[in-house]
Protein backbone atom coordinates (compact mmCIF):
# COMPACT_ATOMS: atom_id res chain seq x y z
CA MET A 1 -6.49 96.51 -170.70
CA THR A 2 -9.65 97.40 -168.86
CA LYS A 3 -11.64 94.91 -170.92
CA LEU A 4 -9.13 92.18 -170.03
CA LYS A 5 -9.44 93.01 -166.32
CA LYS A 6 -13.23 92.86 -166.53
CA ASP A 7 -13.07 89.49 -168.27
CA LEU A 8 -10.72 88.08 -165.63
CA GLU A 9 -12.93 89.32 -162.79
CA ALA A 10 -16.00 87.74 -164.42
CA MET A 11 -14.16 84.43 -164.81
CA SER A 12 -12.98 84.44 -161.20
CA LYS A 13 -16.56 85.07 -159.99
CA ALA A 14 -17.79 82.17 -162.12
CA LEU A 15 -15.09 79.87 -160.75
CA ASN A 16 -15.87 80.87 -157.17
CA GLY A 17 -19.53 80.13 -157.80
CA LEU A 18 -18.65 76.67 -159.15
CA ALA A 19 -16.43 75.97 -156.15
CA GLN A 20 -19.28 76.83 -153.79
CA LYS A 21 -21.65 74.53 -155.67
CA VAL A 22 -19.13 71.68 -155.39
CA GLN A 23 -18.84 72.24 -151.63
CA LYS A 24 -22.62 72.14 -151.24
CA LEU A 25 -22.81 68.87 -153.18
CA GLN A 26 -20.09 67.36 -150.99
CA GLU A 27 -21.95 68.38 -147.85
CA GLN A 28 -25.11 66.77 -149.15
CA LEU A 29 -23.22 63.55 -149.78
CA GLY A 30 -21.71 63.69 -146.30
CA GLU A 31 -18.17 64.29 -147.39
CA THR A 32 -16.85 67.53 -146.04
CA LYS A 33 -13.19 66.69 -146.59
CA PRO A 34 -11.75 66.46 -150.07
CA THR A 35 -11.01 62.87 -151.00
CA LYS A 36 -7.38 61.80 -151.00
CA LYS A 37 -5.89 58.84 -152.72
CA PRO A 38 -4.66 56.18 -150.29
CA LYS A 39 -0.89 55.89 -150.18
CA ALA A 40 0.65 52.64 -151.27
CA LYS A 41 2.11 50.75 -148.33
CA ALA A 42 5.73 49.77 -148.51
CA VAL A 43 6.08 46.03 -148.90
CA LYS A 44 9.00 44.40 -147.17
CA ALA A 45 11.00 42.03 -149.30
CA LYS A 46 10.95 38.46 -148.06
CA ALA A 47 14.10 36.42 -148.03
CA VAL A 48 14.19 34.25 -151.11
CA LYS A 49 15.61 30.77 -150.83
CA LYS A 50 17.97 29.88 -153.59
CA THR A 51 17.17 26.65 -155.33
CA VAL A 52 19.69 24.57 -157.17
CA VAL A 53 18.77 24.10 -160.79
CA LYS A 54 19.61 20.68 -162.12
CA LYS A 55 21.16 20.75 -165.53
CA VAL A 56 19.70 18.27 -167.96
CA ALA A 57 21.94 16.91 -170.68
CA VAL A 58 20.72 18.22 -173.98
CA LYS A 59 20.89 15.85 -176.90
CA LYS A 60 22.08 17.42 -180.08
CA ALA A 61 19.81 16.88 -183.04
CA ALA A 62 21.24 15.09 -186.01
CA PRO A 63 22.27 17.64 -188.61
CA LYS A 64 19.73 17.93 -191.37
CA LYS A 65 20.73 17.83 -194.98
CA ALA A 66 21.09 21.40 -196.08
CA THR A 67 18.91 22.17 -199.04
CA PRO A 68 20.49 24.52 -201.54
CA ALA A 69 19.20 27.98 -200.86
CA THR A 70 19.64 29.59 -204.24
CA ALA A 71 19.15 28.50 -207.80
CA VAL A 72 22.90 28.62 -208.37
CA ASP A 73 23.46 26.31 -205.40
CA THR A 74 20.81 23.91 -206.69
CA VAL A 75 22.36 23.60 -210.13
CA PHE A 76 25.88 23.34 -208.69
CA ALA A 77 24.78 20.57 -206.30
CA ILE A 78 23.40 18.56 -209.22
CA ILE A 79 26.54 19.04 -211.32
CA LYS A 80 28.81 18.24 -208.37
CA LYS A 81 27.20 14.82 -207.82
CA THR A 82 28.07 13.44 -211.25
CA LYS A 83 31.45 12.24 -212.49
CA LYS A 84 30.72 12.12 -216.22
CA GLY A 85 28.85 15.42 -216.35
CA VAL A 86 25.29 16.62 -216.64
CA GLY A 87 23.56 17.85 -219.75
CA MET A 88 21.25 20.79 -220.13
CA ALA A 89 18.19 18.53 -220.53
CA ALA A 90 18.96 16.68 -217.29
CA LEU A 91 19.37 19.97 -215.41
CA MET A 92 16.04 21.21 -216.78
CA GLU A 93 14.34 17.98 -215.72
CA LYS A 94 15.82 17.87 -212.20
CA THR A 95 15.41 21.54 -211.32
CA GLY A 96 12.28 22.47 -213.21
CA TYR A 97 13.94 25.64 -214.53
CA ASN A 98 13.69 26.70 -218.14
CA GLN A 99 16.62 26.65 -220.56
CA LYS A 100 17.31 30.39 -220.29
CA LYS A 101 17.60 30.28 -216.50
CA ILE A 102 19.89 27.26 -216.53
CA ALA A 103 22.07 28.88 -219.18
CA ASN A 104 22.43 31.98 -216.98
CA LEU A 105 23.21 29.88 -213.89
CA VAL A 106 25.79 27.81 -215.77
CA PHE A 107 27.38 31.02 -217.05
CA LYS A 108 27.69 32.34 -213.46
CA LEU A 109 29.18 29.07 -212.23
CA ARG A 110 31.70 29.01 -215.08
CA LYS A 111 32.76 32.59 -214.34
CA GLN A 112 33.26 31.64 -210.68
CA GLY A 113 35.40 28.71 -211.77
CA LYS A 114 33.25 26.10 -210.04
CA ILE A 115 32.34 24.13 -213.19
CA LYS A 116 33.80 23.51 -216.61
CA THR A 117 32.40 22.39 -219.95
CA VAL A 118 33.33 18.88 -221.13
CA ALA A 119 31.31 18.93 -224.33
CA LYS A 120 28.63 21.19 -225.75
CA GLY A 121 25.87 21.35 -223.09
CA VAL A 122 27.65 18.95 -220.68
CA TYR A 123 29.08 20.31 -217.43
CA VAL A 124 31.25 18.86 -214.63
CA LYS A 125 32.72 20.16 -211.41
CA ALA A 126 36.01 21.98 -211.98
C-alpha cells in the first residue's frame, strides 16, 4: 500500500509539472485563456415555397420477347412451336446441347406432362 501511495504522489507531481509547462507555453504564445470551440449558431429555417410538379405522361415500352431462362424452357419452347414434332437431332442443332442433356430435359418435360412422344426420338406438346 505504501508503495502504491508513493507511486501516485510521484505521478501527481509529474502531472503538475507538465501542467505548469503548458501554462508557460501558452503565456509565451499570448494565450492565457484555454481555447474553446466556437458554438454553432442556430440557423432559422426559411419558408419554403411549394412548387407544383408537372406530371409527364410516361410511355410504356413495348414488351420484349422473353427469352427462355432455363434449359428446360428452351427445349420446351422449341417443341411447342412445331405441330408435327421435333426430333432429337433438331433439338441438338437448335440448342447446342449434347444428346445426354437433351435426353434429361425431355425426360423432365415428359414427367411434368408438358410433352409427349409421337415416335422414337420425336416429341410434341401434350
